[in-house]
N, C-alpha and C. Protein backbone atom coordinates (compact mmCIF):
# COMPACT_ATOMS: atom_id res chain seq x y z
N UNK A 1 17.27 -46.01 4.44
CA UNK A 1 16.54 -45.08 3.13
C UNK A 1 17.78 -43.42 4.07
N UNK A 2 17.92 -43.03 3.07
CA UNK A 2 18.81 -41.34 3.67
C UNK A 2 17.14 -40.47 3.02
N UNK A 3 17.22 -39.28 3.93
CA UNK A 3 16.31 -37.95 3.56
C UNK A 3 16.88 -36.83 3.50
N UNK A 4 16.63 -36.27 2.54
CA UNK A 4 17.48 -35.06 2.33
C UNK A 4 16.63 -33.79 3.13
N UNK A 5 16.98 -33.26 3.92
CA UNK A 5 16.41 -32.66 4.65
C UNK A 5 17.25 -30.88 4.67
N UNK A 6 16.25 -30.11 5.23
CA UNK A 6 17.08 -28.78 5.25
C UNK A 6 17.80 -28.49 7.11
N UNK A 7 18.17 -27.54 6.66
CA UNK A 7 18.69 -27.17 7.98
C UNK A 7 17.51 -27.29 9.62
N UNK A 8 16.54 -27.12 9.30
CA UNK A 8 15.43 -27.00 10.85
C UNK A 8 15.60 -28.66 11.22
N UNK A 9 15.58 -29.60 10.30
CA UNK A 9 16.07 -30.39 10.55
C UNK A 9 17.41 -31.04 11.80
N UNK A 10 17.80 -31.70 12.37
CA UNK A 10 19.25 -32.10 13.41
C UNK A 10 20.00 -33.19 12.06
N UNK A 11 21.37 -33.31 12.02
CA UNK A 11 21.77 -34.28 11.25
C UNK A 11 21.70 -35.67 12.38
N UNK A 12 21.54 -36.69 11.65
CA UNK A 12 21.15 -37.72 12.67
C UNK A 12 21.53 -39.12 12.45
N UNK A 13 21.17 -39.59 12.08
CA UNK A 13 21.02 -40.93 11.49
C UNK A 13 19.46 -41.54 10.27
N UNK A 14 19.93 -41.41 9.25
CA UNK A 14 18.71 -41.39 8.41
C UNK A 14 18.52 -39.71 7.46
N UNK A 15 18.84 -39.07 8.69
CA UNK A 15 18.71 -37.76 7.87
C UNK A 15 20.32 -36.74 7.78
N UNK A 16 19.81 -36.07 6.17
CA UNK A 16 20.67 -35.46 5.92
C UNK A 16 21.00 -34.37 5.50
N UNK A 17 21.01 -33.21 6.54
CA UNK A 17 20.85 -31.88 7.02
C UNK A 17 22.17 -31.17 6.43
N UNK A 18 22.40 -29.87 5.76
CA UNK A 18 23.47 -28.87 5.08
C UNK A 18 23.92 -28.85 6.43
N UNK A 19 25.25 -28.30 6.54
CA UNK A 19 25.92 -27.46 7.40
C UNK A 19 25.39 -26.36 8.00
N UNK A 20 25.54 -25.83 8.84
CA UNK A 20 24.51 -24.61 9.50
C UNK A 20 25.64 -23.83 9.78
N UNK A 21 25.38 -22.45 9.39
CA UNK A 21 26.24 -21.52 9.49
C UNK A 21 27.63 -21.39 8.16
N UNK A 22 27.21 -21.85 6.92
CA UNK A 22 28.11 -22.39 6.33
C UNK A 22 27.28 -21.53 4.65
N UNK A 23 27.76 -21.12 3.91
CA UNK A 23 27.13 -21.18 2.37
C UNK A 23 26.33 -21.96 2.67
N UNK A 24 25.22 -21.64 2.02
CA UNK A 24 24.04 -22.95 1.07
C UNK A 24 23.79 -22.27 0.12
N UNK A 25 22.88 -21.77 -0.23
CA UNK A 25 21.90 -21.05 -1.27
C UNK A 25 22.86 -21.12 -2.44
N UNK A 26 22.01 -21.92 -3.63
CA UNK A 26 22.96 -21.75 -4.85
C UNK A 26 23.49 -20.43 -5.26
N UNK A 27 22.60 -19.26 -5.42
CA UNK A 27 22.66 -18.13 -5.74
C UNK A 27 24.14 -17.33 -4.67
N UNK A 28 24.42 -17.70 -3.47
CA UNK A 28 25.84 -17.74 -3.06
C UNK A 28 27.02 -18.33 -3.69
N UNK A 29 26.49 -18.88 -4.77
CA UNK A 29 27.83 -19.86 -5.31
C UNK A 29 28.05 -19.52 -6.47
N UNK A 30 26.74 -18.49 -7.04
CA UNK A 30 26.96 -18.41 -8.40
C UNK A 30 28.08 -16.97 -8.42
N UNK A 31 28.28 -17.38 -10.49
CA UNK A 31 29.40 -16.48 -10.24
C UNK A 31 30.44 -16.75 -10.43
N UNK A 32 31.42 -15.66 -10.95
CA UNK A 32 32.92 -15.83 -11.12
C UNK A 32 33.59 -15.48 -9.71
N UNK A 33 34.33 -16.13 -9.13
CA UNK A 33 35.10 -16.64 -7.47
C UNK A 33 34.38 -16.15 -6.54
N UNK A 34 33.57 -17.66 -6.82
CA UNK A 34 32.33 -17.53 -5.37
C UNK A 34 31.97 -19.34 -5.04
N UNK A 35 33.49 -19.47 -5.90
CA UNK A 35 33.88 -21.70 -5.46
C UNK A 35 33.41 -21.42 -4.42
N UNK A 36 33.12 -23.27 -3.71
CA UNK A 36 33.27 -23.13 -2.72
C UNK A 36 34.45 -23.16 -1.64
N UNK A 37 35.10 -22.71 -0.45
CA UNK A 37 36.25 -22.46 -0.04
C UNK A 37 36.23 -23.99 0.68
N UNK A 38 35.66 -24.57 1.18
CA UNK A 38 36.68 -25.46 2.05
C UNK A 38 35.04 -27.06 1.85
N UNK A 39 35.65 -28.50 1.82
CA UNK A 39 34.46 -29.13 2.21
C UNK A 39 33.20 -28.90 2.61
N UNK A 40 32.92 -27.87 3.50
CA UNK A 40 31.52 -28.09 4.04
C UNK A 40 30.61 -26.97 3.09
N UNK A 41 31.06 -26.37 2.55
CA UNK A 41 30.92 -25.10 1.48
C UNK A 41 30.06 -26.38 0.38
N UNK A 42 31.32 -27.23 0.47
CA UNK A 42 31.13 -28.00 -0.94
C UNK A 42 29.73 -29.27 -1.06
N UNK A 43 30.11 -29.53 0.13
CA UNK A 43 29.13 -30.51 0.75
C UNK A 43 27.59 -29.00 0.09
N UNK A 44 27.69 -28.52 1.57
CA UNK A 44 26.25 -27.62 0.90
C UNK A 44 25.81 -27.22 -0.17
N UNK A 45 26.88 -26.84 -1.35
CA UNK A 45 26.64 -26.86 -2.78
C UNK A 45 25.65 -28.17 -3.31
N UNK A 46 26.10 -28.99 -2.87
CA UNK A 46 26.11 -30.55 -3.40
C UNK A 46 24.50 -30.41 -3.00
N UNK A 47 24.32 -30.46 -1.75
CA UNK A 47 23.35 -30.85 -0.83
C UNK A 47 21.85 -29.80 -1.57
N UNK A 48 22.39 -28.31 -1.65
CA UNK A 48 21.56 -27.43 -2.31
C UNK A 48 20.64 -28.23 -3.76
N UNK A 49 22.45 -28.27 -4.75
CA UNK A 49 21.67 -28.59 -6.17
C UNK A 49 21.08 -30.22 -5.91
N UNK A 50 21.19 -31.03 -5.12
CA UNK A 50 20.24 -32.45 -5.16
C UNK A 50 18.85 -31.86 -4.67
N UNK A 51 18.58 -31.01 -3.95
CA UNK A 51 17.12 -30.39 -3.25
C UNK A 51 16.91 -29.90 -4.19
N UNK A 52 17.82 -28.49 -4.20
CA UNK A 52 16.87 -27.87 -6.23
C UNK A 52 16.00 -29.32 -7.09
N UNK A 53 16.93 -30.05 -7.77
CA UNK A 53 16.58 -31.38 -8.22
C UNK A 53 15.11 -31.74 -7.99
N UNK A 54 15.34 -32.47 -6.89
CA UNK A 54 13.81 -33.08 -6.15
C UNK A 54 12.65 -32.43 -6.27
N UNK A 55 13.47 -30.85 -5.92
CA UNK A 55 11.64 -29.75 -6.02
C UNK A 55 11.46 -30.02 -7.54
N UNK A 56 12.23 -29.86 -8.08
CA UNK A 56 11.14 -29.75 -9.86
C UNK A 56 10.85 -30.90 -10.40
N UNK A 57 11.52 -32.10 -9.65
CA UNK A 57 10.82 -33.11 -10.00
C UNK A 57 9.48 -33.07 -9.27
N UNK A 58 9.28 -32.78 -7.92
CA UNK A 58 7.97 -33.17 -7.13
C UNK A 58 6.89 -32.01 -8.13
N UNK A 59 7.46 -30.48 -8.37
CA UNK A 59 7.04 -30.00 -9.35
C UNK A 59 6.32 -30.49 -10.65
N UNK A 60 7.20 -31.00 -10.95
CA UNK A 60 6.52 -31.75 -12.34
C UNK A 60 5.81 -33.04 -11.84
N UNK A 61 5.95 -33.58 -11.13
CA UNK A 61 4.86 -35.10 -10.54
C UNK A 61 3.48 -33.91 -10.41
N UNK A 62 3.78 -32.52 -9.18
CA UNK A 62 2.58 -32.09 -8.92
C UNK A 62 1.47 -31.58 -10.60
N UNK A 63 2.12 -31.48 -11.58
CA UNK A 63 1.15 -30.90 -12.58
C UNK A 63 0.48 -31.73 -13.29
N UNK A 64 1.61 -32.91 -13.39
CA UNK A 64 1.17 -34.22 -13.66
C UNK A 64 0.17 -34.94 -13.53
N UNK A 65 0.14 -35.58 -11.84
CA UNK A 65 -0.61 -36.61 -11.63
C UNK A 65 -0.75 -35.60 -10.18
N UNK A 66 -2.45 -35.04 -10.48
CA UNK A 66 -2.69 -33.90 -9.21
C UNK A 66 -3.19 -34.78 -7.82
N UNK A 67 -2.55 -36.31 -7.88
CA UNK A 67 -3.03 -36.73 -6.82
C UNK A 67 -1.81 -36.52 -6.09
N UNK A 68 -0.94 -36.30 -6.71
CA UNK A 68 0.66 -35.26 -5.65
C UNK A 68 0.06 -33.69 -5.09
N UNK A 69 -0.87 -32.87 -5.68
CA UNK A 69 -1.12 -32.16 -5.35
C UNK A 69 -1.90 -32.23 -3.73
N UNK A 70 -2.10 -32.96 -3.25
CA UNK A 70 -2.93 -33.10 -1.55
C UNK A 70 -2.07 -33.98 -0.38
N UNK A 71 -2.09 -34.25 0.64
CA UNK A 71 -1.36 -35.80 0.89
C UNK A 71 -2.49 -36.96 0.66
N UNK A 72 -1.89 -37.27 0.51
CA UNK A 72 -3.24 -38.47 0.08
C UNK A 72 -3.32 -40.25 1.33
N UNK A 73 -4.95 -40.49 1.47
CA UNK A 73 -4.69 -40.61 2.17
C UNK A 73 -3.97 -42.19 2.57
N UNK A 74 -3.16 -42.59 2.22
CA UNK A 74 -2.67 -43.91 2.36
C UNK A 74 -1.37 -43.84 3.07
N UNK A 75 -0.36 -45.85 3.22
CA UNK A 75 0.29 -45.47 4.02
C UNK A 75 1.62 -44.94 3.98
N UNK A 76 2.83 -45.09 4.42
CA UNK A 76 3.19 -44.42 4.34
C UNK A 76 4.17 -45.12 3.01
N UNK A 77 4.03 -46.67 3.03
CA UNK A 77 4.89 -47.48 2.10
C UNK A 77 4.00 -47.30 0.77
N UNK A 78 2.35 -47.53 0.65
CA UNK A 78 1.60 -47.46 -0.92
C UNK A 78 2.23 -45.46 -0.87
N UNK A 79 2.71 -44.48 -0.44
CA UNK A 79 2.75 -43.43 -0.92
C UNK A 79 4.55 -43.63 -1.73
N UNK A 80 5.41 -44.04 -1.10
CA UNK A 80 6.76 -44.56 -1.27
C UNK A 80 6.19 -45.29 -2.93
N UNK A 81 5.70 -46.07 -2.46
CA UNK A 81 5.53 -46.55 -4.02
C UNK A 81 4.48 -45.84 -5.03
N UNK A 82 3.43 -45.45 -4.76
CA UNK A 82 3.11 -44.64 -5.93
C UNK A 82 4.67 -43.61 -6.61
N UNK A 83 5.46 -43.38 -5.92
CA UNK A 83 5.84 -42.23 -6.84
C UNK A 83 7.16 -43.08 -7.14
N UNK A 84 7.23 -43.69 -7.21
CA UNK A 84 8.53 -44.85 -7.95
C UNK A 84 7.16 -45.19 -8.90
N UNK A 85 6.20 -45.79 -9.13
CA UNK A 85 5.17 -46.04 -9.72
C UNK A 85 5.25 -44.83 -10.98
N UNK A 86 4.53 -43.82 -10.68
CA UNK A 86 4.55 -42.17 -11.29
C UNK A 86 5.91 -41.99 -12.13
N UNK A 87 6.98 -42.14 -11.53
CA UNK A 87 8.54 -42.01 -12.05
C UNK A 87 8.54 -42.71 -13.14
N UNK A 88 8.56 -43.67 -12.80
CA UNK A 88 8.24 -44.80 -13.95
C UNK A 88 7.48 -44.76 -15.36
N UNK A 89 5.99 -43.79 -14.41
CA UNK A 89 5.15 -43.64 -15.93
C UNK A 89 5.43 -42.44 -16.67
N UNK A 90 6.47 -42.15 -15.94
CA UNK A 90 6.41 -39.74 -16.35
C UNK A 90 7.34 -40.40 -17.37
N UNK A 91 8.78 -40.68 -16.99
CA UNK A 91 9.78 -41.88 -18.34
C UNK A 91 9.32 -42.33 -19.10
N UNK A 92 8.70 -43.48 -18.95
CA UNK A 92 7.45 -44.17 -20.30
C UNK A 92 6.98 -42.94 -20.90
N UNK A 93 6.63 -42.29 -20.37
CA UNK A 93 5.97 -41.49 -21.07
C UNK A 93 6.63 -40.46 -22.40
N UNK A 94 7.49 -39.92 -21.20
CA UNK A 94 8.57 -38.99 -21.59
C UNK A 94 9.26 -39.42 -22.83
N UNK A 95 10.02 -40.38 -22.87
CA UNK A 95 10.88 -41.20 -24.27
C UNK A 95 10.50 -41.99 -24.53
N UNK A 96 9.16 -42.20 -24.73
CA UNK A 96 8.24 -42.45 -26.22
C UNK A 96 7.65 -41.80 -26.91
């Protein structure tokens, strides 16, 4: 497993953090002429985009499935399985 983390975490095994001291926020790249200028900025742009999508997904889950509004008292493995189950259920409801 790889965990997408913010710059508060170190870049280590299984933790994928953005480069520090390099443009990161999506707004920094918005508009013409603000394209990434090097590979670190490009990585940070993709990292921020992916993190934004993940945050939107969890926002949808929290509004649709109230179990996600607080930390459930389940083992970590069970919590991971819950996310997969609810993602499947959400997609089933969305596309049927």
